[in-house]
């Protein structure tokens, strides 16, 4: 089943400013990161699709890792892609002379060269005392194993209740699609956790009526 999705004005404005995306698929990401020893996981809409089995069009593919993994990540990919850091709106290449992002949680984008499309968006996730922490909600911490799951191919994904909590703030059309795809397949415990966390982060949110 394929759910319809069209880029909105925000997406189009982004592409006009930064350039197009032709994201790697999951197999491509797995090949790129083969042998990478740091934890990494798929987030966003692709994580919902992997969980639900419901396909929709995705404008990119997002992964995450902990900030201290950035040097190893750059070493892993630098022979194939240029690594760029979006440091608070300033897009800057991570080079041998300036290898680290200015902001530890800066988004990391990959492309082969200046005329090539972007292929991957890597979004570092905070780590507190060795535990995963939500980028948006400092009160939400957990062991990484409790907020991720691994498919039969060995690829790790963020669990749907955490992905949807992140999506609840913007509540875009594609986020609504992801909610509808995931909810029927989520356990009672997953739905309860999502409901509790949305109520804490966004009191009165529309999704509380359906979760």
N, C-alpha and C. Protein backbone atom coordinates (compact mmCIF):
# COMPACT_ATOMS: atom_id res chain seq x y z
N UNK A 1 0.83 -1.19 0.00
CA UNK A 1 0.00 0.00 0.00
C UNK A 1 0.87 1.24 0.00
N UNK A 2 0.57 2.22 -0.84
CA UNK A 2 1.34 3.46 -0.92
C UNK A 2 0.46 4.62 -0.52
N UNK A 3 0.89 5.39 0.46
CA UNK A 3 0.16 6.57 0.90
C UNK A 3 0.64 7.78 0.12
N UNK A 4 -0.29 8.61 -0.34
CA UNK A 4 0.06 9.78 -1.13
C UNK A 4 0.73 10.82 -0.25
N UNK A 5 1.75 11.46 -0.79
CA UNK A 5 2.40 12.58 -0.12
C UNK A 5 2.98 13.49 -1.18
N UNK A 6 2.83 14.77 -1.01
CA UNK A 6 3.42 15.74 -1.91
C UNK A 6 4.22 16.74 -1.09
N UNK A 7 5.37 17.23 -1.60
CA UNK A 7 6.14 18.22 -0.85
C UNK A 7 5.33 19.49 -0.64
N UNK A 8 5.44 20.06 0.56
CA UNK A 8 4.74 21.31 0.82
C UNK A 8 5.68 22.48 0.55
N UNK A 9 5.22 23.70 0.81
CA UNK A 9 6.01 24.87 0.49
C UNK A 9 7.30 24.91 1.30
N UNK A 10 7.26 24.40 2.52
CA UNK A 10 8.47 24.34 3.34
C UNK A 10 9.52 23.44 2.70
N UNK A 11 9.08 22.28 2.19
CA UNK A 11 10.01 21.38 1.51
C UNK A 11 10.60 22.03 0.27
N UNK A 12 9.73 22.68 -0.53
CA UNK A 12 10.20 23.31 -1.76
C UNK A 12 11.18 24.44 -1.48
N UNK A 13 10.91 25.21 -0.44
CA UNK A 13 11.82 26.30 -0.07
C UNK A 13 13.17 25.75 0.36
N UNK A 14 13.14 24.64 1.09
CA UNK A 14 14.38 24.00 1.53
C UNK A 14 15.21 23.57 0.32
N UNK A 15 14.56 22.91 -0.64
CA UNK A 15 15.29 22.44 -1.82
C UNK A 15 15.86 23.60 -2.63
N UNK A 16 15.10 24.70 -2.74
CA UNK A 16 15.61 25.85 -3.48
C UNK A 16 16.85 26.45 -2.82
N UNK A 17 16.90 26.39 -1.49
CA UNK A 17 18.01 26.99 -0.76
C UNK A 17 19.23 26.09 -0.73
N UNK A 18 19.01 24.80 -0.44
CA UNK A 18 20.14 23.90 -0.19
C UNK A 18 20.42 22.91 -1.31
N UNK A 19 19.45 22.71 -2.20
CA UNK A 19 19.66 21.74 -3.27
C UNK A 19 18.84 20.48 -3.07
N UNK A 20 18.78 19.65 -4.10
CA UNK A 20 17.89 18.47 -4.08
C UNK A 20 18.45 17.32 -3.25
N UNK A 21 17.55 16.40 -2.94
CA UNK A 21 17.90 15.18 -2.25
C UNK A 21 17.60 13.98 -3.13
N UNK A 22 18.50 13.01 -3.13
CA UNK A 22 18.27 11.68 -3.68
C UNK A 22 18.78 10.69 -2.64
N UNK A 23 17.98 10.44 -1.61
CA UNK A 23 18.48 9.70 -0.45
C UNK A 23 18.84 8.25 -0.76
N UNK A 24 19.86 7.79 -0.09
CA UNK A 24 20.16 6.37 -0.11
C UNK A 24 18.99 5.60 0.48
N UNK A 25 18.81 4.37 0.01
CA UNK A 25 17.81 3.52 0.64
C UNK A 25 18.46 2.78 1.81
N UNK A 26 17.67 1.97 2.49
CA UNK A 26 18.19 1.29 3.67
C UNK A 26 19.34 0.35 3.35
N UNK A 27 19.26 -0.32 2.21
CA UNK A 27 20.36 -1.20 1.82
C UNK A 27 21.63 -0.39 1.57
N UNK A 28 21.46 0.79 0.94
CA UNK A 28 22.62 1.64 0.69
C UNK A 28 23.25 2.15 1.97
N UNK A 29 22.41 2.51 2.95
CA UNK A 29 22.93 2.95 4.24
C UNK A 29 23.67 1.82 4.94
N UNK A 30 23.07 0.64 4.90
CA UNK A 30 23.70 -0.51 5.56
C UNK A 30 25.07 -0.81 4.94
N UNK A 31 25.16 -0.71 3.61
CA UNK A 31 26.45 -0.94 2.95
C UNK A 31 27.45 0.15 3.32
N UNK A 32 26.99 1.40 3.34
CA UNK A 32 27.87 2.51 3.65
C UNK A 32 28.45 2.39 5.06
N UNK A 33 27.64 1.92 6.00
CA UNK A 33 28.06 1.87 7.40
C UNK A 33 28.50 0.48 7.84
N UNK A 34 28.68 -0.43 6.89
CA UNK A 34 29.19 -1.76 7.24
C UNK A 34 30.55 -1.62 7.92
N UNK A 35 30.69 -2.21 9.09
CA UNK A 35 31.94 -2.13 9.83
C UNK A 35 32.04 -0.94 10.76
N UNK A 36 31.04 -0.05 10.72
CA UNK A 36 31.01 1.10 11.64
C UNK A 36 30.67 0.59 13.03
N UNK A 37 31.55 0.83 13.97
CA UNK A 37 31.43 0.18 15.27
C UNK A 37 30.56 0.93 16.28
N UNK A 38 30.16 2.16 15.97
CA UNK A 38 29.35 2.94 16.89
C UNK A 38 27.85 2.65 16.67
N UNK A 39 27.03 2.76 17.71
CA UNK A 39 25.59 2.57 17.51
C UNK A 39 25.01 3.63 16.57
N UNK A 40 24.14 3.20 15.67
CA UNK A 40 23.39 4.12 14.82
C UNK A 40 22.02 3.51 14.56
N UNK A 41 21.06 4.38 14.27
CA UNK A 41 19.69 3.89 14.09
C UNK A 41 18.94 4.82 13.15
N UNK A 42 17.94 4.27 12.48
CA UNK A 42 17.09 5.02 11.55
C UNK A 42 15.97 5.69 12.34
N UNK A 43 15.69 6.96 11.99
CA UNK A 43 14.63 7.71 12.67
C UNK A 43 13.64 8.23 11.63
N UNK A 44 12.64 8.98 12.08
CA UNK A 44 11.72 9.64 11.17
C UNK A 44 10.76 8.69 10.47
N UNK A 45 10.28 9.15 9.32
CA UNK A 45 9.27 8.41 8.59
C UNK A 45 9.71 7.04 8.13
N UNK A 46 10.99 6.89 7.82
CA UNK A 46 11.48 5.57 7.40
C UNK A 46 11.40 4.56 8.54
N UNK A 47 11.58 5.02 9.78
CA UNK A 47 11.44 4.12 10.92
C UNK A 47 9.99 3.68 11.08
N UNK A 48 9.06 4.59 10.83
CA UNK A 48 7.64 4.23 10.89
C UNK A 48 7.30 3.23 9.78
N UNK A 49 7.81 3.46 8.59
CA UNK A 49 7.53 2.53 7.49
C UNK A 49 8.08 1.14 7.78
N UNK A 50 9.29 1.07 8.33
CA UNK A 50 9.88 -0.24 8.64
C UNK A 50 9.03 -0.97 9.68
N UNK A 51 8.49 -0.24 10.64
CA UNK A 51 7.66 -0.85 11.67
C UNK A 51 6.29 -1.26 11.13
N UNK A 52 5.68 -0.39 10.35
CA UNK A 52 4.29 -0.60 9.95
C UNK A 52 4.14 -1.41 8.67
N UNK A 53 5.14 -1.37 7.81
CA UNK A 53 5.02 -1.99 6.50
C UNK A 53 4.21 -1.18 5.51
N UNK A 54 3.80 0.03 5.89
CA UNK A 54 3.01 0.90 5.02
C UNK A 54 3.94 1.89 4.34
N UNK A 55 3.99 1.86 3.01
CA UNK A 55 4.91 2.71 2.28
C UNK A 55 4.30 4.07 1.99
N UNK A 56 5.14 5.10 2.06
CA UNK A 56 4.81 6.42 1.54
C UNK A 56 6.08 6.99 0.94
N UNK A 57 5.95 8.07 0.17
CA UNK A 57 7.11 8.74 -0.41
C UNK A 57 7.85 9.48 0.70
N UNK A 58 9.17 9.35 0.70
CA UNK A 58 10.01 10.05 1.68
C UNK A 58 10.97 10.98 0.93
N UNK A 59 11.10 12.20 1.43
CA UNK A 59 12.00 13.14 0.77
C UNK A 59 13.45 12.92 1.17
N UNK A 60 13.69 12.22 2.28
CA UNK A 60 15.05 11.93 2.68
C UNK A 60 15.04 10.69 3.57
N UNK A 61 16.21 10.31 4.03
CA UNK A 61 16.33 9.21 4.98
C UNK A 61 17.22 9.70 6.11
N UNK A 62 16.71 9.63 7.34
CA UNK A 62 17.42 10.17 8.48
C UNK A 62 17.93 9.03 9.37
N UNK A 63 19.18 9.17 9.81
CA UNK A 63 19.70 8.28 10.83
C UNK A 63 20.19 9.12 12.00
N UNK A 64 20.51 8.44 13.09
CA UNK A 64 21.06 9.14 14.24
C UNK A 64 22.18 8.32 14.85
N UNK A 65 23.03 9.02 15.59
CA UNK A 65 24.07 8.40 16.41
C UNK A 65 24.39 9.37 17.53
N UNK A 66 25.18 8.95 18.49
CA UNK A 66 25.57 9.85 19.58
C UNK A 66 26.67 10.80 19.11
N UNK A 67 26.72 12.02 19.64
CA UNK A 67 27.69 13.01 19.15
C UNK A 67 29.14 12.55 19.19
N UNK A 68 29.50 11.75 20.18
CA UNK A 68 30.90 11.33 20.26
C UNK A 68 31.28 10.37 19.15
N UNK A 69 30.30 9.91 18.37
CA UNK A 69 30.59 9.01 17.25
C UNK A 69 30.93 9.77 15.97
N UNK A 70 30.82 11.10 15.98
CA UNK A 70 31.02 11.85 14.74
C UNK A 70 32.38 11.61 14.11
N UNK A 71 33.50 11.65 14.84
CA UNK A 71 34.80 11.41 14.18
C UNK A 71 34.86 10.06 13.47
N UNK A 72 34.33 9.03 14.12
CA UNK A 72 34.34 7.70 13.49
C UNK A 72 33.41 7.67 12.28
N UNK A 73 32.27 8.37 12.37
CA UNK A 73 31.35 8.43 11.24
C UNK A 73 32.02 9.11 10.05
N UNK A 74 32.67 10.24 10.29
CA UNK A 74 33.35 10.94 9.19
C UNK A 74 34.43 10.05 8.56
N UNK A 75 35.21 9.37 9.39
CA UNK A 75 36.22 8.47 8.86
C UNK A 75 35.60 7.36 8.02
N UNK A 76 34.42 6.91 8.42
CA UNK A 76 33.74 5.83 7.71
C UNK A 76 33.33 6.25 6.30
N UNK A 77 32.89 7.49 6.12
CA UNK A 77 32.27 7.89 4.86
C UNK A 77 33.10 8.86 4.02
N UNK A 78 34.17 9.42 4.56
CA UNK A 78 34.83 10.55 3.89
C UNK A 78 35.49 10.18 2.57
N UNK A 79 35.81 8.91 2.35
CA UNK A 79 36.40 8.52 1.07
C UNK A 79 35.36 8.52 -0.05
N UNK A 80 34.08 8.52 0.30
CA UNK A 80 33.03 8.49 -0.71
C UNK A 80 32.23 9.78 -0.77
N UNK A 81 32.03 10.42 0.40
CA UNK A 81 31.17 11.60 0.44
C UNK A 81 31.85 12.75 1.17
N UNK A 82 31.50 13.98 0.76
CA UNK A 82 31.81 15.15 1.57
C UNK A 82 30.82 15.20 2.73
N UNK A 83 31.34 15.54 3.90
CA UNK A 83 30.53 15.60 5.12
C UNK A 83 30.32 17.06 5.48
N UNK A 84 29.06 17.46 5.56
CA UNK A 84 28.70 18.84 5.89
C UNK A 84 27.95 18.88 7.21
N UNK A 85 28.18 19.94 7.98
CA UNK A 85 27.50 20.13 9.27
C UNK A 85 26.64 21.39 9.20
N UNK A 86 25.39 21.25 9.58
CA UNK A 86 24.48 22.39 9.64
C UNK A 86 24.54 22.94 11.06
N UNK A 87 25.49 23.86 11.29
CA UNK A 87 25.74 24.42 12.62
C UNK A 87 24.83 25.61 12.86
N UNK A 88 23.61 25.36 13.32
CA UNK A 88 22.71 26.45 13.63
C UNK A 88 22.35 27.30 12.44
N UNK A 89 22.22 26.68 11.27
CA UNK A 89 21.86 27.40 10.06
C UNK A 89 23.05 27.71 9.17
N UNK A 90 24.26 27.52 9.66
CA UNK A 90 25.47 27.71 8.86
C UNK A 90 25.93 26.35 8.36
N UNK A 91 25.92 26.17 7.05
CA UNK A 91 26.32 24.90 6.46
C UNK A 91 27.82 24.93 6.20
N UNK A 92 28.54 24.00 6.80
CA UNK A 92 30.01 24.03 6.77
C UNK A 92 30.54 22.63 6.57
N UNK A 93 31.51 22.51 5.65
CA UNK A 93 32.09 21.20 5.39
C UNK A 93 33.01 20.81 6.55
N UNK A 94 32.98 19.54 6.91
CA UNK A 94 33.89 19.00 7.91
C UNK A 94 35.12 18.48 7.17
N UNK A 95 36.19 19.23 7.22
CA UNK A 95 37.41 18.91 6.47
C UNK A 95 38.49 18.40 7.40
N UNK A 96 39.63 18.04 6.83
CA UNK A 96 40.74 17.57 7.67
C UNK A 96 41.25 18.69 8.58
N UNK A 97 41.13 19.94 8.13
CA UNK A 97 41.60 21.06 8.96
C UNK A 97 40.54 21.51 9.97
N UNK A 98 39.27 21.30 9.67
CA UNK A 98 38.18 21.63 10.60
C UNK A 98 37.24 20.43 10.67
N UNK A 99 37.66 19.36 11.34
CA UNK A 99 36.94 18.10 11.24
C UNK A 99 35.68 17.98 12.07
N UNK A 100 35.51 18.81 13.08
CA UNK A 100 34.40 18.62 14.01
C UNK A 100 33.32 19.66 13.80
N UNK A 101 32.06 19.33 14.04
CA UNK A 101 31.00 20.33 13.97
C UNK A 101 31.16 21.36 15.07
N UNK A 102 30.71 22.59 14.81
CA UNK A 102 30.77 23.64 15.83
C UNK A 102 29.79 23.36 16.95
N UNK A 103 28.65 22.74 16.60
CA UNK A 103 27.63 22.37 17.57
C UNK A 103 27.57 20.84 17.65
N UNK A 104 27.66 20.26 18.83
CA UNK A 104 27.68 18.79 18.94
C UNK A 104 26.46 18.12 18.32
N UNK A 105 25.30 18.82 18.33
CA UNK A 105 24.08 18.22 17.80
C UNK A 105 23.75 18.71 16.40
N UNK A 106 24.72 19.30 15.71
CA UNK A 106 24.49 19.77 14.34
C UNK A 106 24.11 18.61 13.43
N UNK A 107 23.12 18.86 12.56
CA UNK A 107 22.77 17.86 11.57
C UNK A 107 23.95 17.66 10.61
N UNK A 108 24.11 16.43 10.15
CA UNK A 108 25.22 16.06 9.28
C UNK A 108 24.64 15.58 7.96
N UNK A 109 25.05 16.23 6.86
CA UNK A 109 24.55 15.89 5.54
C UNK A 109 25.69 15.38 4.67
N UNK A 110 25.37 14.43 3.80
CA UNK A 110 26.36 13.85 2.91
C UNK A 110 25.99 14.08 1.45
N UNK A 111 27.02 14.39 0.63
CA UNK A 111 26.87 14.40 -0.83
C UNK A 111 28.25 14.16 -1.43
N UNK A 112 28.26 13.73 -2.70
CA UNK A 112 29.53 13.40 -3.33
C UNK A 112 30.34 14.64 -3.68
N UNK A 113 29.67 15.69 -4.15
CA UNK A 113 30.34 16.93 -4.54
C UNK A 113 29.29 18.03 -4.62
N UNK A 114 29.70 19.25 -4.94
CA UNK A 114 28.81 20.40 -4.86
C UNK A 114 27.65 20.33 -5.84
N UNK A 115 27.80 19.60 -6.95
CA UNK A 115 26.73 19.50 -7.94
C UNK A 115 25.87 18.25 -7.75
N UNK A 116 26.19 17.47 -6.75
CA UNK A 116 25.47 16.21 -6.50
C UNK A 116 24.36 16.43 -5.47
N UNK A 117 23.33 15.61 -5.51
CA UNK A 117 22.27 15.71 -4.50
C UNK A 117 22.74 15.20 -3.14
N UNK A 118 22.07 15.67 -2.11
CA UNK A 118 22.31 15.13 -0.77
C UNK A 118 21.75 13.71 -0.69
N UNK A 119 22.47 12.84 0.04
CA UNK A 119 22.05 11.44 0.10
C UNK A 119 21.69 10.96 1.50
N UNK A 120 22.09 11.70 2.53
CA UNK A 120 21.84 11.23 3.89
C UNK A 120 21.81 12.41 4.86
N UNK A 121 20.86 12.37 5.78
CA UNK A 121 20.77 13.32 6.88
C UNK A 121 21.00 12.54 8.17
N UNK A 122 22.08 12.85 8.86
CA UNK A 122 22.39 12.21 10.15
C UNK A 122 22.17 13.23 11.25
N UNK A 123 21.36 12.87 12.24
CA UNK A 123 20.92 13.81 13.27
C UNK A 123 21.41 13.29 14.62
N UNK A 124 22.51 13.83 15.14
CA UNK A 124 23.01 13.32 16.42
C UNK A 124 21.99 13.46 17.55
N UNK A 125 21.98 12.49 18.43
CA UNK A 125 21.08 12.44 19.57
C UNK A 125 21.89 12.62 20.85
N UNK A 126 21.42 13.45 21.80
CA UNK A 126 22.17 13.64 23.04
C UNK A 126 22.34 12.34 23.82
N UNK A 127 23.40 12.30 24.57
CA UNK A 127 23.69 11.15 25.43
C UNK A 127 23.97 11.69 26.84
N UNK A 128 23.27 11.17 27.82
CA UNK A 128 23.43 11.62 29.20
C UNK A 128 23.77 10.42 30.07
N UNK A 129 24.96 10.43 30.66
CA UNK A 129 25.40 9.31 31.50
C UNK A 129 25.27 7.98 30.77
N UNK A 130 25.61 8.00 29.49
CA UNK A 130 25.58 6.78 28.69
C UNK A 130 24.22 6.39 28.18
N UNK A 131 23.19 7.21 28.44
CA UNK A 131 21.83 6.88 28.03
C UNK A 131 21.35 7.83 26.93
N UNK A 132 20.46 7.32 26.12
CA UNK A 132 19.80 8.11 25.08
C UNK A 132 18.95 9.22 25.72
N UNK A 133 18.94 10.42 25.10
CA UNK A 133 18.08 11.50 25.55
C UNK A 133 17.38 12.12 24.34
N UNK A 134 16.11 12.40 24.45
CA UNK A 134 15.37 13.05 23.37
C UNK A 134 15.99 14.40 23.04
N UNK A 135 16.09 14.71 21.74
CA UNK A 135 16.60 16.02 21.32
C UNK A 135 15.67 17.15 21.75
N UNK A 136 14.38 16.87 21.88
CA UNK A 136 13.41 17.92 22.16
C UNK A 136 12.93 17.95 23.60
N UNK A 137 13.07 16.84 24.32
CA UNK A 137 12.50 16.76 25.66
C UNK A 137 13.57 16.25 26.61
N UNK A 138 14.21 17.14 27.34
CA UNK A 138 15.32 16.77 28.19
C UNK A 138 14.90 15.79 29.28
N UNK A 139 13.62 15.79 29.65
CA UNK A 139 13.15 14.89 30.70
C UNK A 139 13.02 13.44 30.24
N UNK A 140 13.13 13.23 28.92
CA UNK A 140 12.93 11.88 28.37
C UNK A 140 14.29 11.25 28.11
N UNK A 141 14.72 10.37 28.99
CA UNK A 141 15.94 9.60 28.82
C UNK A 141 15.62 8.12 28.94
N UNK A 142 16.45 7.29 28.31
CA UNK A 142 16.20 5.85 28.33
C UNK A 142 17.47 5.13 27.90
N UNK A 143 17.55 3.87 28.22
CA UNK A 143 18.60 3.04 27.63
C UNK A 143 18.32 2.92 26.13
N UNK A 144 19.37 2.95 25.34
CA UNK A 144 19.18 2.90 23.89
C UNK A 144 18.39 1.67 23.46
N UNK A 145 18.64 0.53 24.09
CA UNK A 145 17.92 -0.69 23.71
C UNK A 145 16.42 -0.59 23.96
N UNK A 146 16.00 0.31 24.85
CA UNK A 146 14.58 0.45 25.16
C UNK A 146 13.85 1.36 24.18
N UNK A 147 14.58 2.11 23.36
CA UNK A 147 13.93 3.02 22.40
C UNK A 147 14.28 2.66 20.96
N UNK A 148 14.87 1.49 20.75
CA UNK A 148 15.19 1.04 19.40
C UNK A 148 14.80 -0.43 19.25
N UNK A 149 14.67 -0.84 17.99
CA UNK A 149 14.45 -2.25 17.67
C UNK A 149 15.26 -2.57 16.41
N UNK A 150 15.53 -3.85 16.19
CA UNK A 150 16.40 -4.29 15.08
C UNK A 150 15.62 -5.23 14.18
N UNK A 151 15.68 -4.97 12.86
CA UNK A 151 14.95 -5.83 11.92
C UNK A 151 15.78 -7.07 11.58
N UNK A 152 15.22 -7.91 10.71
CA UNK A 152 15.87 -9.18 10.39
C UNK A 152 17.20 -8.99 9.67
N UNK A 153 17.38 -7.82 9.03
CA UNK A 153 18.63 -7.55 8.32
C UNK A 153 19.69 -6.93 9.22
N UNK A 154 19.33 -6.70 10.49
CA UNK A 154 20.29 -6.13 11.42
C UNK A 154 20.30 -4.62 11.47
N UNK A 155 19.34 -3.97 10.81
CA UNK A 155 19.26 -2.51 10.84
C UNK A 155 18.45 -2.08 12.06
N UNK A 156 18.92 -1.06 12.77
CA UNK A 156 18.31 -0.59 14.00
C UNK A 156 17.41 0.61 13.72
N UNK A 157 16.26 0.66 14.35
CA UNK A 157 15.27 1.73 14.13
C UNK A 157 14.80 2.29 15.48
N UNK A 158 14.47 3.57 15.50
CA UNK A 158 13.82 4.15 16.66
C UNK A 158 12.40 3.61 16.75
N UNK A 159 11.93 3.33 17.96
CA UNK A 159 10.60 2.74 18.13
C UNK A 159 9.53 3.77 17.76
N UNK A 160 8.35 3.31 17.29
CA UNK A 160 7.35 4.23 16.75
C UNK A 160 6.81 5.22 17.78
N UNK A 161 6.68 4.81 19.04
CA UNK A 161 6.14 5.74 20.03
C UNK A 161 7.06 6.93 20.26
N UNK A 162 8.35 6.75 20.05
CA UNK A 162 9.29 7.86 20.19
C UNK A 162 9.31 8.71 18.91
N UNK A 163 9.30 8.06 17.76
CA UNK A 163 9.23 8.80 16.50
C UNK A 163 7.99 9.70 16.47
N UNK A 164 6.85 9.16 16.85
CA UNK A 164 5.60 9.92 16.78
C UNK A 164 5.56 11.04 17.81
N UNK A 165 6.17 10.85 18.97
CA UNK A 165 6.28 11.96 19.92
C UNK A 165 7.04 13.12 19.29
N UNK A 166 8.11 12.81 18.59
CA UNK A 166 8.89 13.84 17.92
C UNK A 166 8.06 14.54 16.83
N UNK A 167 7.26 13.76 16.11
CA UNK A 167 6.46 14.30 15.02
C UNK A 167 5.26 15.10 15.51
N UNK A 168 4.84 14.88 16.76
CA UNK A 168 3.62 15.51 17.25
C UNK A 168 3.71 17.03 17.26
N UNK A 169 4.91 17.57 17.43
CA UNK A 169 5.03 19.03 17.55
C UNK A 169 4.61 19.73 16.27
N UNK A 170 5.05 19.22 15.12
CA UNK A 170 4.73 19.90 13.85
C UNK A 170 3.41 19.43 13.25
N UNK A 171 3.11 18.15 13.41
CA UNK A 171 1.82 17.61 12.96
C UNK A 171 1.56 17.94 11.49
N UNK A 172 2.56 17.68 10.64
CA UNK A 172 2.44 17.91 9.21
C UNK A 172 1.62 16.80 8.56
N UNK A 173 1.17 16.99 7.32
CA UNK A 173 0.40 15.92 6.67
C UNK A 173 1.14 14.58 6.67
N UNK A 174 2.44 14.60 6.44
CA UNK A 174 3.17 13.32 6.43
C UNK A 174 3.23 12.71 7.83
N UNK A 175 3.20 13.55 8.86
CA UNK A 175 3.18 13.02 10.23
C UNK A 175 1.84 12.36 10.53
N UNK A 176 0.77 12.94 10.02
CA UNK A 176 -0.55 12.32 10.17
C UNK A 176 -0.59 10.97 9.47
N UNK A 177 0.01 10.88 8.28
CA UNK A 177 0.08 9.61 7.57
C UNK A 177 0.83 8.57 8.40
N UNK A 178 1.94 8.99 9.01
CA UNK A 178 2.74 8.06 9.80
C UNK A 178 1.98 7.60 11.05
N UNK A 179 1.24 8.51 11.66
CA UNK A 179 0.43 8.13 12.82
C UNK A 179 -0.59 7.06 12.44
N UNK A 180 -1.30 7.29 11.32
CA UNK A 180 -2.32 6.34 10.90
C UNK A 180 -1.72 4.99 10.52
N UNK A 181 -0.51 5.02 9.97
CA UNK A 181 0.15 3.77 9.59
C UNK A 181 0.59 2.97 10.80
N UNK A 182 1.08 3.66 11.83
CA UNK A 182 1.70 2.97 12.96
C UNK A 182 0.69 2.51 14.01
N UNK A 183 -0.32 3.32 14.30
CA UNK A 183 -1.20 3.04 15.44
C UNK A 183 -1.81 1.64 15.44
N UNK A 184 -2.35 1.15 14.32
CA UNK A 184 -2.99 -0.17 14.37
C UNK A 184 -2.02 -1.30 14.70
N UNK A 185 -0.73 -1.05 14.53
CA UNK A 185 0.27 -2.10 14.73
C UNK A 185 1.01 -1.95 16.05
N UNK A 186 0.74 -0.90 16.79
CA UNK A 186 1.41 -0.67 18.07
C UNK A 186 0.71 -1.43 19.18
N UNK A 187 1.49 -1.90 20.13
CA UNK A 187 0.92 -2.61 21.28
C UNK A 187 0.21 -1.62 22.20
N UNK A 188 -0.57 -2.16 23.12
CA UNK A 188 -1.24 -1.31 24.11
C UNK A 188 -0.22 -0.54 24.93
N UNK A 189 0.89 -1.18 25.26
CA UNK A 189 1.93 -0.49 26.02
C UNK A 189 2.57 0.64 25.25
N UNK A 190 2.81 0.42 23.96
CA UNK A 190 3.39 1.47 23.13
C UNK A 190 2.45 2.66 23.02
N UNK A 191 1.18 2.38 22.82
CA UNK A 191 0.21 3.47 22.70
C UNK A 191 0.08 4.23 24.01
N UNK A 192 0.12 3.52 25.13
CA UNK A 192 0.04 4.18 26.43
C UNK A 192 1.24 5.09 26.66
N UNK A 193 2.43 4.61 26.28
CA UNK A 193 3.63 5.43 26.44
C UNK A 193 3.56 6.67 25.55
N UNK A 194 3.08 6.51 24.31
CA UNK A 194 2.94 7.65 23.41
C UNK A 194 1.95 8.65 23.97
N UNK A 195 0.81 8.16 24.44
CA UNK A 195 -0.22 9.04 25.00
C UNK A 195 0.31 9.81 26.21
N UNK A 196 1.01 9.12 27.09
CA UNK A 196 1.54 9.77 28.29
C UNK A 196 2.55 10.86 27.94
N UNK A 197 3.44 10.57 27.00
CA UNK A 197 4.48 11.53 26.66
C UNK A 197 3.94 12.70 25.85
N UNK A 198 2.97 12.46 24.97
CA UNK A 198 2.36 13.58 24.26
C UNK A 198 1.61 14.48 25.25
N UNK A 199 0.91 13.89 26.20
CA UNK A 199 0.19 14.69 27.19
C UNK A 199 1.14 15.55 27.99
N UNK A 200 2.33 15.04 28.27
CA UNK A 200 3.31 15.82 29.02
C UNK A 200 3.94 16.91 28.16
N UNK A 201 4.26 16.57 26.91
CA UNK A 201 4.94 17.53 26.05
C UNK A 201 4.01 18.52 25.39
N UNK A 202 2.78 18.06 25.06
CA UNK A 202 1.84 18.88 24.29
C UNK A 202 0.43 18.72 24.87
N UNK A 203 0.16 19.26 26.05
CA UNK A 203 -1.19 19.11 26.64
C UNK A 203 -2.28 19.57 25.68
N UNK A 204 -3.35 18.76 25.57
CA UNK A 204 -4.45 19.12 24.70
C UNK A 204 -4.24 18.80 23.24
N UNK A 205 -3.18 18.09 22.91
CA UNK A 205 -2.87 17.76 21.50
C UNK A 205 -3.99 16.93 20.88
N UNK A 206 -4.25 17.18 19.59
CA UNK A 206 -5.31 16.46 18.87
C UNK A 206 -5.10 14.96 18.90
N UNK A 207 -3.86 14.51 18.86
CA UNK A 207 -3.59 13.08 18.78
C UNK A 207 -4.04 12.33 20.04
N UNK A 208 -4.18 13.03 21.15
CA UNK A 208 -4.59 12.36 22.37
C UNK A 208 -5.98 11.74 22.24
N UNK A 209 -6.77 12.25 21.31
CA UNK A 209 -8.14 11.71 21.11
C UNK A 209 -8.13 10.39 20.35
N UNK A 210 -7.02 10.08 19.67
CA UNK A 210 -7.00 8.87 18.84
C UNK A 210 -6.00 7.83 19.33
N UNK A 211 -5.00 8.25 20.10
CA UNK A 211 -3.99 7.31 20.56
C UNK A 211 -4.56 6.44 21.67
